[in-house]
All heavy atoms as atom14 arrays in JSON, in Angstrom:
{
  "sequence": "KGAASKPADDPSMYQLKGAAKVMVTNVTSLLKTVKAVEDEATRGT",
  "atom14_mask": [
    [1, 1, 1, 1, 1, 1, 1, 1, 1, 0, 0, 0, 0, 0],
    [1, 1, 1, 1, 0, 0, 0, 0, 0, 0, 0, 0, 0, 0],
    [1, 1, 1, 1, 1, 0, 0, 0, 0, 0, 0, 0, 0, 0],
    [1, 1, 1, 1, 1, 0, 0, 0, 0, 0, 0, 0, 0, 0],
    [1, 1, 1, 1, 1, 1, 0, 0, 0, 0, 0, 0, 0, 0],
    [1, 1, 1, 1, 1, 1, 1, 1, 1, 0, 0, 0, 0, 0],
    [1, 1, 1, 1, 1, 1, 1, 0, 0, 0, 0, 0, 0, 0],
    [1, 1, 1, 1, 1, 0, 0, 0, 0, 0, 0, 0, 0, 0],
    [1, 1, 1, 1, 1, 1, 1, 1, 0, 0, 0, 0, 0, 0],
    [1, 1, 1, 1, 1, 1, 1, 1, 0, 0, 0, 0, 0, 0],
    [1, 1, 1, 1, 1, 1, 1, 0, 0, 0, 0, 0, 0, 0],
    [1, 1, 1, 1, 1, 1, 0, 0, 0, 0, 0, 0, 0, 0],
    [1, 1, 1, 1, 1, 1, 1, 1, 0, 0, 0, 0, 0, 0],
    [1, 1, 1, 1, 1, 1, 1, 1, 1, 1, 1, 1, 0, 0],
    [1, 1, 1, 1, 1, 1, 1, 1, 1, 0, 0, 0, 0, 0],
    [1, 1, 1, 1, 1, 1, 1, 1, 0, 0, 0, 0, 0, 0],
    [1, 1, 1, 1, 1, 1, 1, 1, 1, 0, 0, 0, 0, 0],
    [1, 1, 1, 1, 0, 0, 0, 0, 0, 0, 0, 0, 0, 0],
    [1, 1, 1, 1, 1, 0, 0, 0, 0, 0, 0, 0, 0, 0],
    [1, 1, 1, 1, 1, 0, 0, 0, 0, 0, 0, 0, 0, 0],
    [1, 1, 1, 1, 1, 1, 1, 1, 1, 0, 0, 0, 0, 0],
    [1, 1, 1, 1, 1, 1, 1, 0, 0, 0, 0, 0, 0, 0],
    [1, 1, 1, 1, 1, 1, 1, 1, 0, 0, 0, 0, 0, 0],
    [1, 1, 1, 1, 1, 1, 1, 0, 0, 0, 0, 0, 0, 0],
    [1, 1, 1, 1, 1, 1, 1, 0, 0, 0, 0, 0, 0, 0],
    [1, 1, 1, 1, 1, 1, 1, 1, 0, 0, 0, 0, 0, 0],
    [1, 1, 1, 1, 1, 1, 1, 0, 0, 0, 0, 0, 0, 0],
    [1, 1, 1, 1, 1, 1, 1, 0, 0, 0, 0, 0, 0, 0],
    [1, 1, 1, 1, 1, 1, 0, 0, 0, 0, 0, 0, 0, 0],
    [1, 1, 1, 1, 1, 1, 1, 1, 0, 0, 0, 0, 0, 0],
    [1, 1, 1, 1, 1, 1, 1, 1, 0, 0, 0, 0, 0, 0],
    [1, 1, 1, 1, 1, 1, 1, 1, 1, 0, 0, 0, 0, 0],
    [1, 1, 1, 1, 1, 1, 1, 0, 0, 0, 0, 0, 0, 0],
    [1, 1, 1, 1, 1, 1, 1, 0, 0, 0, 0, 0, 0, 0],
    [1, 1, 1, 1, 1, 1, 1, 1, 1, 0, 0, 0, 0, 0],
    [1, 1, 1, 1, 1, 0, 0, 0, 0, 0, 0, 0, 0, 0],
    [1, 1, 1, 1, 1, 1, 1, 0, 0, 0, 0, 0, 0, 0],
    [1, 1, 1, 1, 1, 1, 1, 1, 1, 0, 0, 0, 0, 0],
    [1, 1, 1, 1, 1, 1, 1, 1, 0, 0, 0, 0, 0, 0],
    [1, 1, 1, 1, 1, 1, 1, 1, 1, 0, 0, 0, 0, 0],
    [1, 1, 1, 1, 1, 0, 0, 0, 0, 0, 0, 0, 0, 0],
    [1, 1, 1, 1, 1, 1, 1, 0, 0, 0, 0, 0, 0, 0],
    [1, 1, 1, 1, 1, 1, 1, 1, 1, 1, 1, 0, 0, 0],
    [1, 1, 1, 1, 0, 0, 0, 0, 0, 0, 0, 0, 0, 0],
    [1, 1, 1, 1, 1, 1, 1, 0, 0, 0, 0, 0, 0, 0]
  ],
  "atom14_positions": [
    [[-37.6, 47.55, 9.66], [-37.31, 48.86, 9.93], [-38.52, 49.78, 9.8], [-38.78, 50.75, 10.46], [-36.15, 49.39, 9.06], [-34.78, 48.89, 9.47], [-33.73, 49.06, 8.43], [-33.47, 50.5, 7.94], [-32.53, 50.58, 6.79], [0.0, 0.0, 0.0], [0.0, 0.0, 0.0], [0.0, 0.0, 0.0], [0.0, 0.0, 0.0], [0.0, 0.0, 0.0]],
    [[-39.22, 49.43, 8.76], [-40.46, 50.23, 8.42], [-41.6, 50.03, 9.52], [-42.38, 50.99, 9.62], [0.0, 0.0, 0.0], [0.0, 0.0, 0.0], [0.0, 0.0, 0.0], [0.0, 0.0, 0.0], [0.0, 0.0, 0.0], [0.0, 0.0, 0.0], [0.0, 0.0, 0.0], [0.0, 0.0, 0.0], [0.0, 0.0, 0.0], [0.0, 0.0, 0.0]],
    [[-41.55, 48.81, 10.17], [-42.63, 48.52, 11.11], [-42.25, 48.91, 12.52], [-43.07, 48.78, 13.51], [-43.03, 47.06, 11.03], [0.0, 0.0, 0.0], [0.0, 0.0, 0.0], [0.0, 0.0, 0.0], [0.0, 0.0, 0.0], [0.0, 0.0, 0.0], [0.0, 0.0, 0.0], [0.0, 0.0, 0.0], [0.0, 0.0, 0.0], [0.0, 0.0, 0.0]],
    [[-40.91, 49.24, 12.79], [-40.46, 49.52, 14.12], [-41.35, 50.56, 14.89], [-41.57, 51.6, 14.31], [-38.99, 49.95, 14.05], [0.0, 0.0, 0.0], [0.0, 0.0, 0.0], [0.0, 0.0, 0.0], [0.0, 0.0, 0.0], [0.0, 0.0, 0.0], [0.0, 0.0, 0.0], [0.0, 0.0, 0.0], [0.0, 0.0, 0.0], [0.0, 0.0, 0.0]],
    [[-41.67, 50.22, 15.99], [-42.54, 51.13, 16.95], [-43.91, 51.46, 16.4], [-44.55, 52.37, 16.86], [-41.72, 52.33, 17.26], [-40.44, 52.04, 17.74], [0.0, 0.0, 0.0], [0.0, 0.0, 0.0], [0.0, 0.0, 0.0], [0.0, 0.0, 0.0], [0.0, 0.0, 0.0], [0.0, 0.0, 0.0], [0.0, 0.0, 0.0], [0.0, 0.0, 0.0]],
    [[-44.39, 50.81, 15.39], [-45.69, 51.05, 14.81], [-46.72, 50.29, 15.53], [-46.49, 49.14, 15.99], [-45.76, 50.8, 13.3], [-44.78, 51.6, 12.47], [-45.29, 52.92, 12.16], [-44.3, 53.8, 11.51], [-43.8, 53.33, 10.16], [0.0, 0.0, 0.0], [0.0, 0.0, 0.0], [0.0, 0.0, 0.0], [0.0, 0.0, 0.0], [0.0, 0.0, 0.0]],
    [[-48.0, 50.74, 15.65], [-49.1, 49.91, 16.33], [-49.34, 48.63, 15.48], [-49.06, 48.51, 14.31], [-50.36, 50.79, 16.21], [-49.99, 51.9, 15.22], [-48.49, 52.0, 15.19], [0.0, 0.0, 0.0], [0.0, 0.0, 0.0], [0.0, 0.0, 0.0], [0.0, 0.0, 0.0], [0.0, 0.0, 0.0], [0.0, 0.0, 0.0], [0.0, 0.0, 0.0]],
    [[-49.97, 47.62, 16.1], [-50.08, 46.32, 15.56], [-51.04, 46.28, 14.27], [-50.9, 45.49, 13.41], [-50.75, 45.37, 16.57], [0.0, 0.0, 0.0], [0.0, 0.0, 0.0], [0.0, 0.0, 0.0], [0.0, 0.0, 0.0], [0.0, 0.0, 0.0], [0.0, 0.0, 0.0], [0.0, 0.0, 0.0], [0.0, 0.0, 0.0], [0.0, 0.0, 0.0]],
    [[-51.93, 47.32, 14.2], [-52.89, 47.43, 13.01], [-52.3, 48.29, 11.88], [-53.0, 48.52, 10.92], [-54.22, 47.75, 13.39], [-54.23, 49.23, 14.05], [-53.14, 49.71, 14.38], [-55.33, 49.79, 14.21], [0.0, 0.0, 0.0], [0.0, 0.0, 0.0], [0.0, 0.0, 0.0], [0.0, 0.0, 0.0], [0.0, 0.0, 0.0], [0.0, 0.0, 0.0]],
    [[-51.04, 48.69, 12.02], [-50.48, 49.61, 11.01], [-50.16, 48.69, 9.8], [-49.75, 47.52, 9.86], [-49.12, 50.18, 11.44], [-48.68, 51.32, 10.57], [-49.06, 52.42, 10.69], [-47.73, 50.99, 9.74], [0.0, 0.0, 0.0], [0.0, 0.0, 0.0], [0.0, 0.0, 0.0], [0.0, 0.0, 0.0], [0.0, 0.0, 0.0], [0.0, 0.0, 0.0]],
    [[-50.36, 49.32, 8.61], [-50.1, 48.53, 7.3], [-48.66, 47.93, 7.21], [-48.47, 46.89, 6.66], [-50.33, 49.43, 6.14], [-51.22, 50.53, 6.71], [-50.89, 50.62, 8.2], [0.0, 0.0, 0.0], [0.0, 0.0, 0.0], [0.0, 0.0, 0.0], [0.0, 0.0, 0.0], [0.0, 0.0, 0.0], [0.0, 0.0, 0.0], [0.0, 0.0, 0.0]],
    [[-47.79, 48.59, 7.82], [-46.26, 48.15, 7.78], [-46.12, 46.82, 8.57], [-45.28, 46.0, 8.18], [-45.43, 49.22, 8.4], [-45.71, 49.5, 9.75], [0.0, 0.0, 0.0], [0.0, 0.0, 0.0], [0.0, 0.0, 0.0], [0.0, 0.0, 0.0], [0.0, 0.0, 0.0], [0.0, 0.0, 0.0], [0.0, 0.0, 0.0], [0.0, 0.0, 0.0]],
    [[-47.04, 46.59, 9.52], [-47.01, 45.31, 10.23], [-47.45, 44.14, 9.39], [-46.92, 43.04, 9.41], [-47.96, 45.44, 11.54], [-47.28, 46.17, 12.6], [-45.82, 45.34, 13.29], [-45.34, 46.48, 14.62], [0.0, 0.0, 0.0], [0.0, 0.0, 0.0], [0.0, 0.0, 0.0], [0.0, 0.0, 0.0], [0.0, 0.0, 0.0], [0.0, 0.0, 0.0]],
    [[-48.39, 44.41, 8.45], [-48.83, 43.37, 7.58], [-47.73, 43.05, 6.49], [-47.46, 41.99, 6.11], [-50.15, 43.78, 6.83], [-51.34, 43.91, 7.76], [-51.8, 45.18, 8.0], [-51.89, 42.8, 8.33], [-52.91, 45.28, 8.93], [-52.95, 42.92, 9.24], [-53.47, 44.19, 9.52], [-54.6, 44.33, 10.34], [0.0, 0.0, 0.0], [0.0, 0.0, 0.0]],
    [[-46.98, 44.14, 6.13], [-45.92, 44.0, 5.17], [-44.75, 43.23, 5.83], [-44.13, 42.32, 5.24], [-45.38, 45.29, 4.78], [-46.26, 46.13, 3.83], [-45.57, 47.39, 3.47], [-44.81, 47.99, 4.15], [-46.03, 47.94, 2.21], [0.0, 0.0, 0.0], [0.0, 0.0, 0.0], [0.0, 0.0, 0.0], [0.0, 0.0, 0.0], [0.0, 0.0, 0.0]],
    [[-44.56, 43.36, 7.12], [-43.59, 42.69, 7.97], [-43.93, 41.2, 8.01], [-43.08, 40.29, 7.73], [-43.44, 43.25, 9.3], [-42.56, 42.6, 10.27], [-41.13, 42.49, 9.75], [-42.59, 43.2, 11.76], [0.0, 0.0, 0.0], [0.0, 0.0, 0.0], [0.0, 0.0, 0.0], [0.0, 0.0, 0.0], [0.0, 0.0, 0.0], [0.0, 0.0, 0.0]],
    [[-45.2, 40.89, 8.19], [-45.68, 39.46, 8.32], [-45.5, 38.8, 6.95], [-45.0, 37.64, 6.86], [-46.99, 39.41, 8.78], [-47.27, 39.64, 10.37], [-48.66, 39.69, 10.7], [-48.78, 40.03, 12.14], [-50.23, 40.12, 12.6], [0.0, 0.0, 0.0], [0.0, 0.0, 0.0], [0.0, 0.0, 0.0], [0.0, 0.0, 0.0], [0.0, 0.0, 0.0]],
    [[-45.72, 39.54, 5.87], [-45.64, 39.03, 4.51], [-44.24, 38.69, 4.2], [-43.79, 37.75, 3.55], [0.0, 0.0, 0.0], [0.0, 0.0, 0.0], [0.0, 0.0, 0.0], [0.0, 0.0, 0.0], [0.0, 0.0, 0.0], [0.0, 0.0, 0.0], [0.0, 0.0, 0.0], [0.0, 0.0, 0.0], [0.0, 0.0, 0.0], [0.0, 0.0, 0.0]],
    [[-43.22, 39.6, 4.59], [-41.87, 39.51, 4.26], [-41.25, 38.27, 5.1], [-40.52, 37.51, 4.61], [-41.13, 40.76, 4.69], [0.0, 0.0, 0.0], [0.0, 0.0, 0.0], [0.0, 0.0, 0.0], [0.0, 0.0, 0.0], [0.0, 0.0, 0.0], [0.0, 0.0, 0.0], [0.0, 0.0, 0.0], [0.0, 0.0, 0.0], [0.0, 0.0, 0.0]],
    [[-41.76, 38.08, 6.35], [-41.39, 37.05, 7.2], [-41.75, 35.68, 6.55], [-41.05, 34.68, 6.53], [-41.88, 37.09, 8.59], [0.0, 0.0, 0.0], [0.0, 0.0, 0.0], [0.0, 0.0, 0.0], [0.0, 0.0, 0.0], [0.0, 0.0, 0.0], [0.0, 0.0, 0.0], [0.0, 0.0, 0.0], [0.0, 0.0, 0.0], [0.0, 0.0, 0.0]],
    [[-43.1, 35.65, 6.0], [-43.49, 34.4, 5.32], [-42.69, 34.08, 4.14], [-42.33, 32.86, 3.95], [-44.97, 34.69, 4.9], [-45.69, 33.43, 4.35], [-47.17, 33.69, 4.02], [-47.77, 32.49, 3.43], [-49.19, 32.66, 2.97], [0.0, 0.0, 0.0], [0.0, 0.0, 0.0], [0.0, 0.0, 0.0], [0.0, 0.0, 0.0], [0.0, 0.0, 0.0]],
    [[-42.24, 35.1, 3.37], [-41.39, 34.81, 2.16], [-40.1, 34.29, 2.63], [-39.62, 33.4, 1.98], [-41.29, 36.11, 1.35], [-40.19, 35.92, 0.29], [-42.62, 36.49, 0.77], [0.0, 0.0, 0.0], [0.0, 0.0, 0.0], [0.0, 0.0, 0.0], [0.0, 0.0, 0.0], [0.0, 0.0, 0.0], [0.0, 0.0, 0.0], [0.0, 0.0, 0.0]],
    [[-39.55, 34.87, 3.72], [-38.36, 34.45, 4.22], [-38.32, 32.96, 4.58], [-37.51, 32.17, 4.21], [-38.01, 35.27, 5.47], [-36.72, 34.97, 6.21], [-35.3, 35.35, 5.23], [-34.04, 34.53, 6.12], [0.0, 0.0, 0.0], [0.0, 0.0, 0.0], [0.0, 0.0, 0.0], [0.0, 0.0, 0.0], [0.0, 0.0, 0.0], [0.0, 0.0, 0.0]],
    [[-39.37, 32.6, 5.28], [-39.45, 31.14, 5.79], [-39.67, 30.19, 4.55], [-39.05, 29.16, 4.49], [-40.53, 30.93, 6.85], [-40.8, 29.53, 7.1], [-40.22, 31.7, 8.07], [0.0, 0.0, 0.0], [0.0, 0.0, 0.0], [0.0, 0.0, 0.0], [0.0, 0.0, 0.0], [0.0, 0.0, 0.0], [0.0, 0.0, 0.0], [0.0, 0.0, 0.0]],
    [[-40.4, 30.73, 3.6], [-40.73, 29.8, 2.33], [-39.35, 29.72, 1.65], [-39.15, 28.48, 1.21], [-41.64, 30.73, 1.46], [-42.88, 30.78, 2.05], [-41.88, 29.85, 0.12], [0.0, 0.0, 0.0], [0.0, 0.0, 0.0], [0.0, 0.0, 0.0], [0.0, 0.0, 0.0], [0.0, 0.0, 0.0], [0.0, 0.0, 0.0], [0.0, 0.0, 0.0]],
    [[-38.54, 30.72, 1.6], [-37.31, 30.54, 0.87], [-36.29, 29.65, 1.63], [-35.49, 28.97, 0.94], [-36.69, 31.9, 0.53], [-37.47, 32.61, -0.63], [-38.25, 32.01, -1.33], [-37.25, 33.86, -0.85], [0.0, 0.0, 0.0], [0.0, 0.0, 0.0], [0.0, 0.0, 0.0], [0.0, 0.0, 0.0], [0.0, 0.0, 0.0], [0.0, 0.0, 0.0]],
    [[-36.27, 29.71, 2.89], [-35.4, 28.83, 3.66], [-35.88, 27.43, 3.47], [-35.01, 26.51, 3.25], [-35.43, 29.28, 5.22], [-34.67, 28.16, 6.04], [-34.71, 30.67, 5.34], [0.0, 0.0, 0.0], [0.0, 0.0, 0.0], [0.0, 0.0, 0.0], [0.0, 0.0, 0.0], [0.0, 0.0, 0.0], [0.0, 0.0, 0.0], [0.0, 0.0, 0.0]],
    [[-37.14, 27.17, 3.55], [-37.69, 25.83, 3.38], [-37.36, 25.24, 1.87], [-36.99, 24.16, 1.82], [-39.2, 25.84, 3.5], [-39.55, 26.38, 4.83], [-39.71, 24.46, 3.33], [0.0, 0.0, 0.0], [0.0, 0.0, 0.0], [0.0, 0.0, 0.0], [0.0, 0.0, 0.0], [0.0, 0.0, 0.0], [0.0, 0.0, 0.0], [0.0, 0.0, 0.0]],
    [[-37.46, 26.21, 0.91], [-37.09, 25.81, -0.36], [-35.59, 25.48, -0.51], [-35.26, 24.49, -1.19], [-37.42, 27.06, -1.44], [-37.23, 26.73, -2.69], [0.0, 0.0, 0.0], [0.0, 0.0, 0.0], [0.0, 0.0, 0.0], [0.0, 0.0, 0.0], [0.0, 0.0, 0.0], [0.0, 0.0, 0.0], [0.0, 0.0, 0.0], [0.0, 0.0, 0.0]],
    [[-34.69, 26.17, 0.15], [-33.34, 25.97, 0.16], [-33.01, 24.53, 0.73], [-32.37, 23.76, 0.1], [-32.58, 26.97, 0.97], [-31.08, 26.57, 1.26], [-30.25, 26.53, 0.02], [-30.48, 27.6, 2.29], [0.0, 0.0, 0.0], [0.0, 0.0, 0.0], [0.0, 0.0, 0.0], [0.0, 0.0, 0.0], [0.0, 0.0, 0.0], [0.0, 0.0, 0.0]],
    [[-33.72, 24.13, 1.83], [-33.53, 22.95, 2.46], [-33.95, 21.77, 1.59], [-33.4, 20.66, 1.45], [-34.28, 22.85, 3.8], [-33.71, 23.86, 4.93], [-34.44, 23.76, 6.16], [-32.22, 23.51, 5.18], [0.0, 0.0, 0.0], [0.0, 0.0, 0.0], [0.0, 0.0, 0.0], [0.0, 0.0, 0.0], [0.0, 0.0, 0.0], [0.0, 0.0, 0.0]],
    [[-35.18, 22.02, 0.91], [-35.73, 20.94, -0.01], [-34.76, 20.78, -1.16], [-34.43, 19.64, -1.71], [-37.05, 21.41, -0.62], [-38.19, 21.23, 0.34], [-39.5, 21.64, -0.31], [-40.71, 21.67, 0.59], [-41.97, 22.14, 0.0], [0.0, 0.0, 0.0], [0.0, 0.0, 0.0], [0.0, 0.0, 0.0], [0.0, 0.0, 0.0], [0.0, 0.0, 0.0]],
    [[-34.15, 21.86, -1.67], [-33.17, 21.76, -2.78], [-31.93, 21.0, -2.32], [-31.42, 20.17, -3.05], [-32.78, 23.21, -3.23], [-33.97, 23.78, -3.7], [-31.79, 23.14, -4.43], [0.0, 0.0, 0.0], [0.0, 0.0, 0.0], [0.0, 0.0, 0.0], [0.0, 0.0, 0.0], [0.0, 0.0, 0.0], [0.0, 0.0, 0.0], [0.0, 0.0, 0.0]],
    [[-31.51, 21.29, -1.15], [-30.23, 20.52, -0.61], [-30.53, 19.08, -0.48], [-29.67, 18.33, -0.96], [-29.83, 21.17, 0.79], [-28.77, 20.26, 1.34], [-29.27, 22.6, 0.6], [0.0, 0.0, 0.0], [0.0, 0.0, 0.0], [0.0, 0.0, 0.0], [0.0, 0.0, 0.0], [0.0, 0.0, 0.0], [0.0, 0.0, 0.0], [0.0, 0.0, 0.0]],
    [[-31.64, 18.75, -0.07], [-32.05, 17.36, 0.03], [-32.11, 16.64, -1.35], [-31.69, 15.54, -1.47], [-33.4, 17.25, 0.73], [-33.82, 15.8, 1.08], [-35.12, 15.82, 1.86], [-35.61, 14.31, 2.06], [-36.9, 14.22, 2.73], [0.0, 0.0, 0.0], [0.0, 0.0, 0.0], [0.0, 0.0, 0.0], [0.0, 0.0, 0.0], [0.0, 0.0, 0.0]],
    [[-32.68, 17.32, -2.28], [-32.88, 16.83, -3.62], [-31.62, 16.64, -4.3], [-31.49, 15.71, -5.25], [-33.82, 17.79, -4.46], [0.0, 0.0, 0.0], [0.0, 0.0, 0.0], [0.0, 0.0, 0.0], [0.0, 0.0, 0.0], [0.0, 0.0, 0.0], [0.0, 0.0, 0.0], [0.0, 0.0, 0.0], [0.0, 0.0, 0.0], [0.0, 0.0, 0.0]],
    [[-30.62, 17.52, -4.04], [-29.29, 17.41, -4.76], [-28.66, 16.0, -4.51], [-27.98, 15.47, -5.31], [-28.36, 18.56, -4.23], [-26.84, 18.24, -4.55], [-28.72, 19.88, -4.95], [0.0, 0.0, 0.0], [0.0, 0.0, 0.0], [0.0, 0.0, 0.0], [0.0, 0.0, 0.0], [0.0, 0.0, 0.0], [0.0, 0.0, 0.0], [0.0, 0.0, 0.0]],
    [[-28.92, 15.4, -3.38], [-28.39, 14.05, -3.07], [-29.13, 13.02, -3.76], [-28.62, 11.74, -3.8], [-28.53, 13.97, -1.53], [-27.67, 14.77, -0.73], [-27.72, 14.64, 0.82], [-28.55, 13.88, 1.23], [-26.99, 15.29, 1.56], [0.0, 0.0, 0.0], [0.0, 0.0, 0.0], [0.0, 0.0, 0.0], [0.0, 0.0, 0.0], [0.0, 0.0, 0.0]],
    [[-30.27, 13.22, -4.28], [-31.05, 12.23, -5.07], [-31.18, 12.7, -6.53], [-32.01, 13.49, -6.78], [-32.39, 12.08, -4.37], [-33.23, 11.13, -5.14], [-32.76, 10.31, -5.94], [-34.47, 10.92, -4.77], [0.0, 0.0, 0.0], [0.0, 0.0, 0.0], [0.0, 0.0, 0.0], [0.0, 0.0, 0.0], [0.0, 0.0, 0.0], [0.0, 0.0, 0.0]],
    [[-30.45, 12.1, -7.4], [-30.4, 12.52, -8.86], [-31.71, 12.41, -9.46], [-31.92, 13.24, -10.38], [-29.31, 11.71, -9.61], [-27.91, 12.13, -9.25], [-26.9, 11.45, -10.18], [-27.28, 11.17, -11.39], [-25.75, 11.23, -9.75], [0.0, 0.0, 0.0], [0.0, 0.0, 0.0], [0.0, 0.0, 0.0], [0.0, 0.0, 0.0], [0.0, 0.0, 0.0]],
    [[-32.53, 11.53, -9.04], [-33.9, 11.29, -9.69], [-34.87, 12.51, -9.37], [-35.83, 12.62, -10.15], [-34.41, 10.03, -9.17], [0.0, 0.0, 0.0], [0.0, 0.0, 0.0], [0.0, 0.0, 0.0], [0.0, 0.0, 0.0], [0.0, 0.0, 0.0], [0.0, 0.0, 0.0], [0.0, 0.0, 0.0], [0.0, 0.0, 0.0], [0.0, 0.0, 0.0]],
    [[-34.5, 13.27, -8.41], [-35.44, 14.35, -7.96], [-34.86, 15.71, -8.24], [-35.51, 16.72, -7.95], [-35.91, 14.23, -6.52], [-34.8, 14.42, -5.71], [-36.56, 12.91, -6.25], [0.0, 0.0, 0.0], [0.0, 0.0, 0.0], [0.0, 0.0, 0.0], [0.0, 0.0, 0.0], [0.0, 0.0, 0.0], [0.0, 0.0, 0.0], [0.0, 0.0, 0.0]],
    [[-33.69, 15.81, -8.72], [-33.02, 17.07, -8.9], [-33.78, 18.05, -9.82], [-33.87, 19.17, -9.49], [-31.53, 16.95, -9.45], [-30.59, 16.4, -8.35], [-29.21, 16.38, -8.96], [-28.22, 15.85, -8.07], [-26.99, 15.61, -8.33], [-26.54, 15.94, -9.54], [-26.17, 15.1, -7.38], [0.0, 0.0, 0.0], [0.0, 0.0, 0.0], [0.0, 0.0, 0.0]],
    [[-34.15, 17.55, -11.01], [-34.88, 18.25, -11.95], [-36.16, 18.79, -11.5], [-36.56, 19.96, -11.57], [0.0, 0.0, 0.0], [0.0, 0.0, 0.0], [0.0, 0.0, 0.0], [0.0, 0.0, 0.0], [0.0, 0.0, 0.0], [0.0, 0.0, 0.0], [0.0, 0.0, 0.0], [0.0, 0.0, 0.0], [0.0, 0.0, 0.0], [0.0, 0.0, 0.0]],
    [[-37.03, 17.94, -10.82], [-38.27, 18.3, -10.3], [-38.13, 19.42, -9.3], [-38.88, 20.39, -9.31], [-38.92, 17.02, -9.62], [-39.07, 16.05, -10.54], [-40.32, 17.36, -9.11], [0.0, 0.0, 0.0], [0.0, 0.0, 0.0], [0.0, 0.0, 0.0], [0.0, 0.0, 0.0], [0.0, 0.0, 0.0], [0.0, 0.0, 0.0], [0.0, 0.0, 0.0]]
  ]
}
């Protein structure tokens, strides 16, 4: 919302890219966690 209609070099665009990166990181983390749940030896790690 903050970056909507702003130019490509606007600071809000960098914030948007950072937020998107965190989003993908957390989705990846969720998938790793789901996989680890099936293997008791790696759950804690």
